[in-house]
Amino acid sequence: MQRTIISLLLVFGIVANVFAQEKKPTLMILPSDNWCHQRFYTNVIDNQGVKIESPDYQLAFREDPELTAVISKVGQLLSSKGYSLKDAEQEIKSVYTRLAEDNVTTSKSGASLYESPLDIIKRRAKMDIVVQLWWRINKEGSRRTVSFTLEAFDAYTNKRIATSSGVSDASTESVPLLLEKAANSRIKDFDKQMMVFYNEARRNGREIVLTVRRWDNWENDLETEYDGEELIDCIRKWIRKNTVGGAYNLTDATENMATFEQVRIPLLDADGDGLDARGFATSLRKYLSKEYGITSKVMTRGLGEATIVLGEK
């Protein structure tokens, strides 16, 4: 009986240790777009004639005295749940330092793929999830409350995967402390929602979007035959072989372009490193070069979208 009890305790201990070591995704916490808009921390970017309002994170961190402290408090709550956090303020400083010289990825012919500051932050920092935080201070006589909303987005697809909101108790404490206490009572459910998404991604792969195009001056197209098959079919076979469960959706295709959505790539590559859309597209580029002698250029937007343009670098 004593041996049986000891054996059971060892088994429970091993199981508990496995759960304790469960890998959790990497997060970055940023102020929400709405929070930045309400406080005029925005830039207007001209993307080929289209005006796009984009959060100015650098200005927000520099001018808002509460932002760093609030993000730190929420970050501590998520760190206590086992998440790895990227330092948003430091990553943003690095991005904005090089933004002027590396705002877009450019081909030798001058083509470009627009990236917003958030796209660039995602690509450089390589987090799994972006947590956006909004809050508002409500005055109640000499005391105040804080309303807040936490939203988690997949850094690859921008899909909302978790949300939590609430209002703190009235107090004279600082805003970061009020927000920490209010969020603490809801962080367990927020954690659960994010892990449902992440565990599903580990089982079934992470979604990206892959587009294949051709340069105007390339003499071939996606209907050109290689080894008796059209190029589009060769590419589809490669994608099917290199995705989790062969999962992808060809949503649009002509002789000049093809768009693959819901492409399920593994979280890790063969070397155990994190795999993103650039890494996946680069593998396809190398395959096309080796098997068919096709030169191509890989361009990306953030972590989850890549375009391969056939015909030149």
Protein backbone atom coordinates (compact mmCIF):
# COMPACT_ATOMS: atom_id res chain seq x y z
CA MET A 1 0.00 0.00 0.00
CA GLN A 2 2.79 2.40 0.92
CA ARG A 3 4.54 1.73 -2.42
CA THR A 4 1.28 2.34 -4.29
CA ILE A 5 0.79 5.68 -2.56
CA ILE A 6 4.38 6.70 -3.31
CA SER A 7 3.97 5.69 -6.97
CA LEU A 8 0.77 7.71 -7.26
CA LEU A 9 2.44 10.73 -5.70
CA LEU A 10 5.31 10.43 -8.19
CA VAL A 11 2.87 10.23 -11.11
CA PHE A 12 0.92 13.25 -9.88
CA GLY A 13 4.19 15.10 -9.38
CA ILE A 14 5.31 14.38 -12.94
CA VAL A 15 1.93 15.46 -14.36
CA ALA A 16 1.97 18.63 -12.28
CA ASN A 17 5.50 19.37 -13.47
CA VAL A 18 4.49 18.93 -17.11
CA PHE A 19 1.63 21.40 -16.69
CA ALA A 20 3.89 23.77 -14.79
CA GLN A 21 6.32 23.75 -17.73
CA GLU A 22 3.61 24.33 -20.35
CA LYS A 23 5.03 26.68 -22.93
CA LYS A 24 3.18 29.95 -23.17
CA PRO A 25 3.26 32.47 -26.01
CA THR A 26 5.34 35.64 -26.12
CA LEU A 27 3.37 38.86 -25.66
CA MET A 28 3.80 42.55 -26.22
CA ILE A 29 1.50 45.06 -24.49
CA LEU A 30 0.67 48.27 -26.35
CA PRO A 31 -1.87 51.07 -25.89
CA SER A 32 -4.93 50.43 -28.05
CA ASP A 33 -5.57 52.32 -31.29
CA ASN A 34 -8.60 53.98 -29.67
CA TRP A 35 -6.56 55.11 -26.65
CA CYS A 36 -3.95 56.66 -28.95
CA HIS A 37 -6.63 58.34 -31.07
CA GLN A 38 -8.41 59.83 -28.04
CA ARG A 39 -5.15 61.37 -26.85
CA PHE A 40 -3.96 62.49 -30.32
CA TYR A 41 -0.97 60.15 -30.34
CA THR A 42 -1.32 59.40 -34.05
CA ASN A 43 0.38 59.91 -37.38
CA VAL A 44 -1.21 60.17 -40.81
CA ILE A 45 0.72 58.08 -43.33
CA ASP A 46 0.42 58.50 -47.08
CA ASN A 47 0.34 54.97 -48.55
CA GLN A 48 0.39 55.51 -52.33
CA GLY A 49 -2.19 58.30 -52.11
CA VAL A 50 -4.33 56.71 -49.39
CA LYS A 51 -4.25 58.51 -46.03
CA ILE A 52 -3.92 56.05 -43.10
CA GLU A 53 -4.05 57.08 -39.45
CA SER A 54 -1.56 55.09 -37.42
CA PRO A 55 -0.78 55.14 -33.66
CA ASP A 56 2.35 57.08 -32.76
CA TYR A 57 3.65 54.82 -30.00
CA GLN A 58 6.89 56.72 -29.66
CA LEU A 59 5.04 59.96 -28.89
CA ALA A 60 2.71 58.18 -26.47
CA PHE A 61 5.53 56.69 -24.42
CA ARG A 62 7.41 59.99 -24.42
CA GLU A 63 4.51 62.25 -23.38
CA ASP A 64 2.08 60.17 -21.29
CA PRO A 65 3.36 59.87 -17.72
CA GLU A 66 1.14 56.88 -16.85
CA LEU A 67 1.63 54.69 -19.90
CA THR A 68 4.87 52.94 -18.91
CA ALA A 69 3.65 52.31 -15.35
CA VAL A 70 0.25 50.99 -16.48
CA ILE A 71 1.79 48.60 -19.02
CA SER A 72 4.30 47.47 -16.39
CA LYS A 73 1.52 46.59 -13.91
CA VAL A 74 -0.48 44.63 -16.48
CA GLY A 75 2.73 43.00 -17.65
CA GLN A 76 3.47 41.80 -14.12
CA LEU A 77 0.05 40.12 -13.97
CA LEU A 78 0.67 38.30 -17.25
CA SER A 79 4.25 37.39 -16.31
CA SER A 80 2.92 35.78 -13.14
CA LYS A 81 0.85 33.52 -15.42
CA GLY A 82 3.99 32.34 -17.19
CA TYR A 83 4.03 34.54 -20.27
CA SER A 84 7.22 35.98 -21.76
CA LEU A 85 6.92 39.70 -22.40
CA LYS A 86 8.69 41.82 -24.99
CA ASP A 87 9.54 45.32 -23.77
CA ALA A 88 7.31 47.49 -25.96
CA GLU A 89 9.03 50.80 -25.17
CA GLN A 90 12.51 49.52 -25.99
CA GLU A 91 11.40 47.73 -29.15
CA ILE A 92 9.60 50.87 -30.35
CA LYS A 93 12.71 53.00 -29.78
CA SER A 94 14.69 50.58 -31.92
CA VAL A 95 12.05 50.53 -34.67
CA TYR A 96 11.61 54.30 -34.89
CA THR A 97 15.37 54.80 -35.00
CA ARG A 98 15.50 52.85 -38.27
CA LEU A 99 12.02 53.59 -39.59
CA ALA A 100 13.09 56.40 -41.92
CA GLU A 101 15.71 54.28 -43.67
CA ASP A 102 13.79 50.98 -43.62
CA ASN A 103 10.13 51.98 -43.82
CA VAL A 104 9.37 49.54 -46.64
CA THR A 105 10.93 46.51 -48.24
CA THR A 106 12.04 47.48 -51.74
CA SER A 107 12.97 45.42 -54.78
CA LYS A 108 15.72 46.36 -57.21
CA SER A 109 13.00 47.60 -59.55
CA GLY A 110 11.61 49.93 -56.86
CA ALA A 111 8.50 47.91 -55.92
CA SER A 112 7.45 48.00 -52.29
CA LEU A 113 5.05 46.44 -49.81
CA TYR A 114 3.67 48.94 -47.30
CA GLU A 115 4.17 48.20 -43.61
CA SER A 116 2.65 50.18 -40.76
CA PRO A 117 4.76 50.90 -37.65
CA LEU A 118 2.91 48.07 -35.85
CA ASP A 119 3.71 45.67 -38.71
CA ILE A 120 7.39 46.56 -38.39
CA ILE A 121 7.32 46.20 -34.60
CA LYS A 122 5.77 42.73 -34.97
CA ARG A 123 8.31 41.66 -37.55
CA ARG A 124 11.29 42.84 -35.53
CA ALA A 125 10.12 41.77 -32.07
CA LYS A 126 8.49 38.51 -33.25
CA MET A 127 5.88 38.13 -30.53
CA ASP A 128 3.01 35.63 -30.75
CA ILE A 129 0.27 37.88 -29.38
CA VAL A 130 -0.27 41.64 -29.21
CA VAL A 131 -2.21 42.75 -26.13
CA GLN A 132 -3.84 46.16 -26.57
CA LEU A 133 -4.83 48.13 -23.48
CA TRP A 134 -7.39 50.93 -23.21
CA TRP A 135 -8.32 52.76 -20.01
CA ARG A 136 -10.21 55.84 -18.88
CA ILE A 137 -10.23 57.65 -15.54
CA ASN A 138 -13.63 58.40 -13.99
CA LYS A 139 -13.85 61.01 -11.22
CA GLU A 140 -16.14 60.32 -8.24
CA GLY A 141 -15.71 63.25 -5.87
CA SER A 142 -12.31 62.97 -4.19
CA ARG A 143 -11.92 59.42 -5.43
CA ARG A 144 -11.79 57.88 -8.89
CA THR A 145 -12.32 54.66 -10.76
CA VAL A 146 -10.65 53.28 -13.86
CA SER A 147 -12.51 51.61 -16.74
CA PHE A 148 -10.35 49.32 -18.83
CA THR A 149 -10.39 46.93 -21.77
CA LEU A 150 -7.77 44.31 -22.59
CA GLU A 151 -7.81 42.79 -26.07
CA ALA A 152 -5.43 40.14 -27.39
CA PHE A 153 -4.74 39.78 -31.11
CA ASP A 154 -2.86 37.10 -32.99
CA ALA A 155 0.27 38.89 -34.20
CA TYR A 156 0.15 36.94 -37.46
CA THR A 157 -3.47 37.36 -38.58
CA ASN A 158 -4.65 40.32 -36.43
CA LYS A 159 -7.61 38.19 -35.31
CA ARG A 160 -9.01 39.05 -31.88
CA ILE A 161 -8.46 36.01 -29.66
CA ALA A 162 -9.25 37.27 -26.14
CA THR A 163 -10.94 40.20 -24.46
CA SER A 164 -11.62 41.40 -20.93
CA SER A 165 -13.03 44.62 -19.51
CA GLY A 166 -14.13 46.06 -16.20
CA VAL A 167 -14.13 48.96 -13.76
CA SER A 168 -12.02 49.32 -10.65
CA ASP A 169 -13.35 50.08 -7.18
CA ALA A 170 -13.41 53.77 -6.26
CA SER A 171 -10.16 54.80 -4.54
CA THR A 172 -7.59 57.55 -4.13
CA GLU A 173 -4.80 55.22 -5.28
CA SER A 174 -2.75 55.84 -8.42
CA VAL A 175 -4.14 54.85 -11.81
CA PRO A 176 -1.61 52.01 -12.34
CA LEU A 177 -2.55 50.44 -8.99
CA LEU A 178 -6.28 50.83 -9.63
CA LEU A 179 -5.90 49.22 -13.03
CA GLU A 180 -3.76 46.40 -11.67
CA LYS A 181 -6.35 45.51 -9.03
CA ALA A 182 -9.23 45.68 -11.49
CA ALA A 183 -7.42 43.57 -14.10
CA ASN A 184 -6.23 41.04 -11.53
CA SER A 185 -9.76 39.78 -10.91
CA ARG A 186 -10.24 39.10 -14.62
CA ILE A 187 -6.78 37.98 -15.71
CA LYS A 188 -7.51 34.27 -15.17
CA ASP A 189 -10.23 34.19 -17.82
CA PHE A 190 -8.12 36.35 -20.16
CA ASP A 191 -5.25 33.89 -19.74
CA LYS A 192 -7.57 30.97 -20.50
CA GLN A 193 -8.84 32.57 -23.72
CA MET A 194 -5.30 33.19 -24.99
CA MET A 195 -4.16 29.66 -24.19
CA VAL A 196 -7.14 28.14 -26.03
CA PHE A 197 -5.93 29.98 -29.14
CA TYR A 198 -2.25 29.15 -28.65
CA ASN A 199 -2.81 25.46 -27.95
CA GLU A 200 -4.97 25.23 -31.06
CA ALA A 201 -2.16 26.86 -33.06
CA ARG A 202 0.34 24.33 -31.70
CA ARG A 203 -1.90 21.46 -32.77
CA ASN A 204 -3.10 22.75 -36.13
CA GLY A 205 -0.49 25.29 -37.17
CA ARG A 206 -0.42 29.06 -37.32
CA GLU A 207 -2.27 30.95 -40.05
CA ILE A 208 -0.48 33.13 -42.58
CA VAL A 209 -1.32 34.65 -45.96
CA LEU A 210 0.96 33.93 -48.92
CA THR A 211 0.69 35.71 -52.28
CA VAL A 212 2.59 34.72 -55.43
CA ARG A 213 2.95 37.31 -58.18
CA ARG A 214 5.16 37.89 -61.23
CA TRP A 215 7.12 40.88 -62.43
CA ASP A 216 5.80 42.42 -65.68
CA ASN A 217 9.11 41.77 -67.43
CA TRP A 218 9.23 38.04 -66.59
CA GLU A 219 8.72 35.94 -69.69
CA ASN A 220 6.80 33.18 -67.85
CA ASP A 221 3.71 33.07 -65.63
CA LEU A 222 1.89 30.70 -63.26
CA GLU A 223 0.48 28.72 -66.19
CA THR A 224 3.93 27.97 -67.62
CA GLU A 225 4.64 24.25 -67.45
CA TYR A 226 7.58 22.79 -65.53
CA ASP A 227 8.13 19.03 -65.65
CA GLY A 228 4.74 18.62 -67.28
CA GLU A 229 2.78 20.62 -64.68
CA GLU A 230 1.71 24.24 -64.50
CA LEU A 231 3.77 26.28 -62.06
CA ILE A 232 0.73 27.03 -59.89
CA ASP A 233 0.24 23.28 -59.37
CA CYS A 234 3.92 22.82 -58.48
CA ILE A 235 3.58 25.56 -55.86
CA ARG A 236 0.36 24.06 -54.48
CA LYS A 237 2.05 20.68 -54.05
CA TRP A 238 4.92 22.28 -52.14
CA ILE A 239 2.55 24.22 -49.87
CA ARG A 240 0.45 21.10 -49.19
CA LYS A 241 3.59 19.17 -48.24
CA ASN A 242 4.98 21.87 -45.94
CA THR A 243 1.85 22.94 -44.05
CA VAL A 244 0.30 21.31 -41.00
CA GLY A 245 -2.17 18.76 -42.29
CA GLY A 246 -1.77 20.20 -45.80
CA ALA A 247 -4.10 23.03 -44.79
CA TYR A 248 -4.46 26.09 -47.02
CA ASN A 249 -7.10 27.86 -49.07
CA LEU A 250 -6.41 29.12 -52.58
CA THR A 251 -8.76 32.10 -52.65
CA ASP A 252 -7.74 33.73 -55.91
CA ALA A 253 -5.64 32.68 -58.91
CA THR A 254 -4.87 33.90 -62.41
CA GLU A 255 -1.89 33.39 -64.69
CA ASN A 256 -0.23 36.40 -63.00
CA MET A 257 -0.99 35.93 -59.31
CA ALA A 258 -2.28 33.54 -56.65
CA THR A 259 -3.41 34.24 -53.09
CA PHE A 260 -3.23 31.51 -50.46
CA GLU A 261 -5.07 32.23 -47.19
CA GLN A 262 -5.44 30.23 -43.99
CA VAL A 263 -2.06 28.67 -44.72
CA ARG A 264 -1.29 26.64 -41.60
CA ILE A 265 2.45 26.67 -40.93
CA PRO A 266 4.22 24.97 -37.99
CA LEU A 267 5.08 27.16 -35.00
CA LEU A 268 8.72 26.02 -35.29
CA ASP A 269 10.95 25.23 -38.25
CA ALA A 270 13.20 22.19 -38.64
CA ASP A 271 15.88 23.85 -36.46
CA GLY A 272 13.44 24.55 -33.63
CA ASP A 273 13.29 28.28 -34.32
CA GLY A 274 10.03 30.24 -34.56
CA LEU A 275 8.60 30.17 -38.08
CA ASP A 276 6.85 33.19 -39.60
CA ALA A 277 5.56 34.10 -43.05
CA ARG A 278 8.99 35.31 -44.19
CA GLY A 279 10.66 32.05 -43.21
CA PHE A 280 7.96 29.98 -44.92
CA ALA A 281 8.07 32.09 -48.11
CA THR A 282 11.87 32.01 -48.15
CA SER A 283 11.77 28.20 -48.11
CA LEU A 284 9.44 28.29 -51.11
CA ARG A 285 11.71 30.79 -52.87
CA LYS A 286 14.70 28.47 -52.40
CA TYR A 287 12.67 25.51 -53.66
CA LEU A 288 11.64 27.34 -56.83
CA SER A 289 15.24 28.40 -57.44
CA LYS A 290 16.67 24.92 -56.90
CA GLU A 291 14.03 22.89 -58.74
CA TYR A 292 13.08 25.22 -61.61
CA GLY A 293 15.76 27.91 -61.76
CA ILE A 294 13.21 30.65 -60.96
CA THR A 295 14.58 33.82 -59.37
CA SER A 296 12.16 35.54 -57.00
CA LYS A 297 11.86 38.22 -54.34
CA VAL A 298 10.26 37.81 -50.89
CA MET A 299 8.50 40.82 -49.36
CA THR A 300 6.62 40.81 -46.07
CA ARG A 301 4.08 42.72 -44.02
CA GLY A 302 4.44 42.01 -40.32
CA LEU A 303 4.77 38.38 -39.27
CA GLY A 304 1.81 36.83 -41.03
CA GLU A 305 1.84 38.02 -44.62
CA ALA A 306 4.40 37.39 -47.35
CA THR A 307 4.52 38.00 -51.09
CA ILE A 308 6.81 36.17 -53.52
CA VAL A 309 7.34 38.01 -56.79
CA LEU A 310 8.68 35.79 -59.56
CA GLY A 311 11.23 36.85 -62.15
CA GLU A 312 13.89 38.86 -60.33
CA LYS A 313 15.26 39.83 -56.92
